[in-house]
Amino acid sequence: MIRELAFDLSELAIVSYLIARDFDKPLVLLPATMTGRFPHARALYNAERGRFGPADLTGKRVAVRSLTTTTAVWLRGMLANDHGVDLDRIDWVTLEDPHVAEYRDRATRAPAGRTIISMLLDGEVDAVLGETSDDPRLQPLFADPKSASEAWFRKHTVVPINHVAVVAREFHDDAPESVRETYRLLKRSSELSLPRDRMPFGVEAMRPALQMVIAYATQQKLISRQFSVEELFSDLTLSLA
């Protein structure tokens, strides 16, 4: 979607959209959340090598699929702002290119053929962000992820947004009624889902999470400046309710 504009409508990770917006890609955000989740269970370490927690990350090697993956951005933001972790004192290791080709990854690239979990099991990295595993040797960096998620929500009253809906600018400009109908259908689908599966729809409902992920992405130098929420939308998509 970002590199080839192959679709009129797409689900997209919010951080990928922020970086695409920073590089003026012809995409427009709909005020529709596709997925959101607390990421605390998706930070792992190898318990065979001793107990490890957020405070132990300084000076260590930590792997992520890409610096720009949304779950990793949320986790790094939480580590920095809620646990005082200095992200600049971590040796970041990545395995994939960012979705936006123009963005230059500053991390160390893992050797070809390695997987993020195998690197953790073999001691090549000390922790990984954005992953889950059934291997009993791998334990969550947050000792009780459920309690950590609940405490974070009590503090911030934000549910992290992961994926959103976007439309190509050409489709947006040529078929505004289709954009409105697309949003209506997505919203109606959400309304018909189970309550626990409902995601925030509308600019105001999404605003707290968008403001926070924009701040995290700016802090982590993934985007060049801190956008306002309104800048992520068009006049048309701002008007959708």
Protein backbone atom coordinates (compact mmCIF):
# COMPACT_ATOMS: atom_id res chain seq x y z
CA MET A 1 0.00 0.00 0.00
CA ILE A 2 2.75 2.47 0.93
CA ARG A 3 5.32 1.58 -1.70
CA GLU A 4 3.06 0.80 -4.67
CA LEU A 5 -0.31 2.38 -3.84
CA ALA A 6 -1.72 -0.94 -4.95
CA PHE A 7 -5.12 -0.55 -3.25
CA ASP A 8 -7.86 2.03 -2.79
CA LEU A 9 -8.40 0.98 0.84
CA SER A 10 -6.08 -0.78 3.25
CA GLU A 11 -5.56 -1.69 6.86
CA LEU A 12 -2.24 -0.21 7.97
CA ALA A 13 -0.18 0.00 11.15
CA ILE A 14 -0.52 3.48 12.64
CA VAL A 15 3.24 4.08 12.91
CA SER A 16 3.68 3.08 9.27
CA TYR A 17 1.04 5.67 8.43
CA LEU A 18 2.78 8.35 10.53
CA ILE A 19 6.07 7.76 8.74
CA ALA A 20 4.32 7.67 5.36
CA ARG A 21 2.66 10.98 6.27
CA ASP A 22 6.06 12.40 7.19
CA PHE A 23 7.30 11.51 3.68
CA ASP A 24 4.18 12.97 2.03
CA LYS A 25 2.85 9.68 0.73
CA PRO A 26 -0.57 10.13 -0.95
CA LEU A 27 -2.56 8.33 1.74
CA VAL A 28 -5.38 9.61 3.95
CA LEU A 29 -6.31 8.28 7.38
CA LEU A 30 -9.88 7.25 8.14
CA PRO A 31 -10.96 7.73 11.79
CA ALA A 32 -11.39 3.97 12.11
CA THR A 33 -9.40 1.69 14.40
CA MET A 34 -9.00 -1.87 13.16
CA THR A 35 -6.99 -3.32 16.03
CA GLY A 36 -5.73 -2.16 19.39
CA ARG A 37 -4.12 -3.96 22.31
CA PHE A 38 -1.91 -3.57 25.34
CA PRO A 39 1.58 -4.77 24.36
CA HIS A 40 3.02 -5.70 27.76
CA ALA A 41 2.92 -9.45 27.09
CA ARG A 42 4.92 -8.98 23.88
CA ALA A 43 8.27 -8.16 25.48
CA LEU A 44 10.34 -11.28 26.25
CA TYR A 45 13.65 -12.36 27.77
CA ASN A 46 15.37 -15.73 28.21
CA ALA A 47 14.82 -16.82 31.82
CA GLU A 48 17.57 -19.45 31.52
CA ARG A 49 20.03 -16.57 31.66
CA GLY A 50 18.67 -15.09 34.88
CA ARG A 51 15.90 -12.73 35.92
CA PHE A 52 15.51 -9.71 33.68
CA GLY A 53 13.22 -6.68 33.79
CA PRO A 54 12.79 -3.21 32.27
CA ALA A 55 15.44 -1.70 34.56
CA ASP A 56 18.02 -4.16 33.18
CA LEU A 57 17.76 -3.04 29.54
CA THR A 58 20.36 -0.27 29.68
CA GLY A 59 23.46 -1.27 27.74
CA LYS A 60 21.85 -4.46 26.44
CA ARG A 61 21.03 -5.76 22.97
CA VAL A 62 17.31 -5.78 22.17
CA ALA A 63 15.79 -7.12 18.96
CA VAL A 64 12.68 -5.89 17.13
CA ARG A 65 11.45 -6.86 13.66
CA SER A 66 11.88 -3.22 12.66
CA LEU A 67 12.32 -0.02 14.66
CA THR A 68 9.09 1.16 13.06
CA THR A 69 6.79 -1.71 14.06
CA THR A 70 3.89 -0.25 15.99
CA THR A 71 3.93 -2.68 18.93
CA ALA A 72 7.63 -2.00 19.46
CA VAL A 73 7.02 1.76 19.32
CA TRP A 74 4.36 1.52 22.02
CA LEU A 75 6.62 -0.66 24.16
CA ARG A 76 9.62 1.63 23.79
CA GLY A 77 7.44 4.61 24.67
CA MET A 78 6.20 2.87 27.80
CA LEU A 79 9.72 1.80 28.79
CA ALA A 80 11.07 5.33 28.35
CA ASN A 81 8.23 7.32 29.85
CA ASP A 82 6.89 5.01 32.54
CA HIS A 83 10.03 3.10 33.55
CA GLY A 84 12.81 5.61 32.92
CA VAL A 85 14.66 3.46 30.38
CA ASP A 86 17.19 5.39 28.25
CA LEU A 87 16.42 4.09 24.76
CA ASP A 88 19.65 5.59 23.39
CA ARG A 89 21.70 3.32 25.64
CA ILE A 90 20.27 0.14 24.11
CA ASP A 91 21.84 -1.62 21.12
CA TRP A 92 18.84 -2.15 18.86
CA VAL A 93 18.90 -5.08 16.45
CA THR A 94 16.44 -5.35 13.55
CA LEU A 95 15.53 -8.10 11.09
CA GLU A 96 13.35 -6.28 8.53
CA ASP A 97 13.28 -3.09 6.49
CA PRO A 98 10.72 -0.44 7.45
CA HIS A 99 7.51 -0.34 5.40
CA VAL A 100 8.41 3.16 4.21
CA ALA A 101 11.47 2.68 2.00
CA GLU A 102 12.70 6.26 2.48
CA TYR A 103 13.05 5.83 6.24
CA ARG A 104 16.62 4.95 7.22
CA ASP A 105 16.90 2.35 9.98
CA ARG A 106 19.58 3.32 12.51
CA ALA A 107 19.80 -0.08 14.17
CA THR A 108 22.20 -3.00 13.81
CA ARG A 109 20.92 -5.52 11.24
CA ALA A 110 20.74 -9.15 12.38
CA PRO A 111 22.67 -11.74 10.36
CA ALA A 112 20.78 -13.14 7.38
CA GLY A 113 18.77 -16.25 8.13
CA ARG A 114 18.32 -15.60 11.84
CA THR A 115 14.92 -15.29 13.51
CA ILE A 116 14.14 -13.01 16.40
CA ILE A 117 13.21 -15.88 18.74
CA SER A 118 16.25 -18.00 17.85
CA MET A 119 18.52 -15.02 18.55
CA LEU A 120 16.96 -14.66 22.00
CA LEU A 121 17.27 -18.37 22.77
CA ASP A 122 20.90 -18.43 21.62
CA GLY A 123 21.88 -15.42 23.69
CA GLU A 124 22.59 -13.13 20.73
CA VAL A 125 20.19 -10.58 22.19
CA ASP A 126 19.04 -9.98 25.76
CA ALA A 127 15.38 -9.23 25.05
CA VAL A 128 12.92 -8.86 22.19
CA LEU A 129 9.96 -6.52 21.74
CA GLY A 130 6.78 -7.19 19.81
CA GLU A 131 6.88 -11.00 19.99
CA THR A 132 5.15 -13.89 21.71
CA SER A 133 6.35 -17.46 22.22
CA ASP A 134 5.15 -20.70 23.82
CA ASP A 135 8.72 -21.67 24.73
CA PRO A 136 8.80 -21.95 28.55
CA ARG A 137 12.33 -20.54 28.63
CA LEU A 138 11.04 -17.21 27.36
CA GLN A 139 9.28 -15.07 29.94
CA PRO A 140 7.64 -11.63 29.82
CA LEU A 141 9.83 -8.64 30.58
CA PHE A 142 6.93 -7.30 32.64
CA ALA A 143 6.57 -9.96 35.33
CA ASP A 144 2.76 -9.78 35.34
CA PRO A 145 1.71 -8.39 31.93
CA LYS A 146 -2.00 -8.30 32.77
CA SER A 147 -1.45 -6.27 35.93
CA ALA A 148 1.05 -4.04 34.11
CA SER A 149 -1.50 -3.36 31.37
CA GLU A 150 -4.22 -2.57 33.88
CA ALA A 151 -1.94 -0.23 35.84
CA TRP A 152 -0.87 1.54 32.65
CA PHE A 153 -4.50 2.01 31.59
CA ARG A 154 -5.44 3.40 35.00
CA LYS A 155 -2.62 5.92 34.65
CA HIS A 156 -3.20 6.98 31.04
CA THR A 157 -6.80 5.85 30.18
CA VAL A 158 -5.60 5.02 26.66
CA VAL A 159 -5.96 1.77 24.71
CA PRO A 160 -2.97 1.60 22.31
CA ILE A 161 -4.04 1.71 18.67
CA ASN A 162 -2.18 -0.69 16.37
CA HIS A 163 -3.92 -0.80 13.00
CA VAL A 164 -6.09 1.78 11.28
CA ALA A 165 -7.84 2.14 7.92
CA VAL A 166 -6.40 4.36 5.18
CA VAL A 167 -7.41 5.24 1.65
CA ALA A 168 -5.32 6.24 -1.34
CA ARG A 169 -5.44 9.98 -2.03
CA GLU A 170 -6.62 9.43 -5.61
CA PHE A 171 -9.56 7.32 -4.44
CA HIS A 172 -10.27 9.84 -1.69
CA ASP A 173 -10.38 12.74 -4.14
CA ASP A 174 -12.24 10.96 -6.95
CA ALA A 175 -14.84 9.12 -4.90
CA PRO A 176 -15.67 10.98 -1.67
CA GLU A 177 -19.07 9.28 -1.35
CA SER A 178 -17.35 5.90 -1.52
CA VAL A 179 -15.00 7.03 1.26
CA ARG A 180 -17.99 8.01 3.41
CA GLU A 181 -19.72 4.68 2.69
CA THR A 182 -16.54 2.74 3.47
CA TYR A 183 -16.32 4.44 6.84
CA ARG A 184 -20.03 3.83 7.51
CA LEU A 185 -19.62 0.12 6.82
CA LEU A 186 -16.51 -0.18 8.98
CA LYS A 187 -18.20 1.63 11.84
CA ARG A 188 -21.36 -0.47 11.54
CA SER A 189 -19.28 -3.63 11.57
CA SER A 190 -17.62 -2.47 14.78
CA GLU A 191 -20.99 -1.69 16.35
CA LEU A 192 -22.18 -5.23 15.59
CA SER A 193 -19.10 -6.87 17.15
CA LEU A 194 -18.79 -8.09 20.72
CA PRO A 195 -18.24 -5.24 23.20
CA ARG A 196 -14.71 -6.40 24.06
CA ASP A 197 -13.79 -6.28 20.36
CA ARG A 198 -15.03 -2.77 19.67
CA MET A 199 -12.37 -0.27 18.72
CA PRO A 200 -12.56 3.55 18.93
CA PHE A 201 -14.15 5.18 15.89
CA GLY A 202 -14.20 8.88 15.16
CA VAL A 203 -11.49 11.48 15.58
CA GLU A 204 -12.32 12.37 19.18
CA ALA A 205 -12.49 8.75 20.31
CA MET A 206 -9.10 8.08 18.72
CA ARG A 207 -7.48 11.37 19.75
CA PRO A 208 -5.84 10.29 23.08
CA ALA A 209 -4.14 7.25 21.56
CA LEU A 210 -3.14 9.16 18.42
CA GLN A 211 -1.62 11.98 20.46
CA MET A 212 0.38 9.49 22.49
CA VAL A 213 1.68 7.45 19.57
CA ILE A 214 2.61 10.66 17.72
CA ALA A 215 4.56 11.77 20.80
CA TYR A 216 6.29 8.38 21.08
CA ALA A 217 7.20 8.33 17.37
CA THR A 218 8.62 11.85 17.60
CA GLN A 219 10.56 11.01 20.75
CA GLN A 220 12.02 7.94 19.03
CA LYS A 221 12.98 10.02 15.96
CA LEU A 222 10.78 8.02 13.62
CA ILE A 223 9.07 11.18 12.34
CA SER A 224 10.59 14.61 11.88
CA ARG A 225 8.07 16.57 13.94
CA GLN A 226 5.08 16.15 16.21
CA PHE A 227 1.97 16.29 14.03
CA SER A 228 -1.34 17.49 15.34
CA VAL A 229 -4.09 14.89 15.22
CA GLU A 230 -5.95 16.99 12.64
CA GLU A 231 -2.98 16.82 10.25
CA LEU A 232 -3.38 13.06 9.94
CA PHE A 233 -6.80 13.47 8.32
CA SER A 234 -8.36 15.44 5.47
CA ASP A 235 -11.32 17.80 5.71
CA LEU A 236 -13.47 14.93 4.49
CA THR A 237 -12.23 12.29 6.94
CA LEU A 238 -12.26 14.79 9.82
CA SER A 239 -15.98 15.23 9.19
CA LEU A 240 -16.81 11.53 9.48
CA ALA A 241 -18.63 10.58 12.66
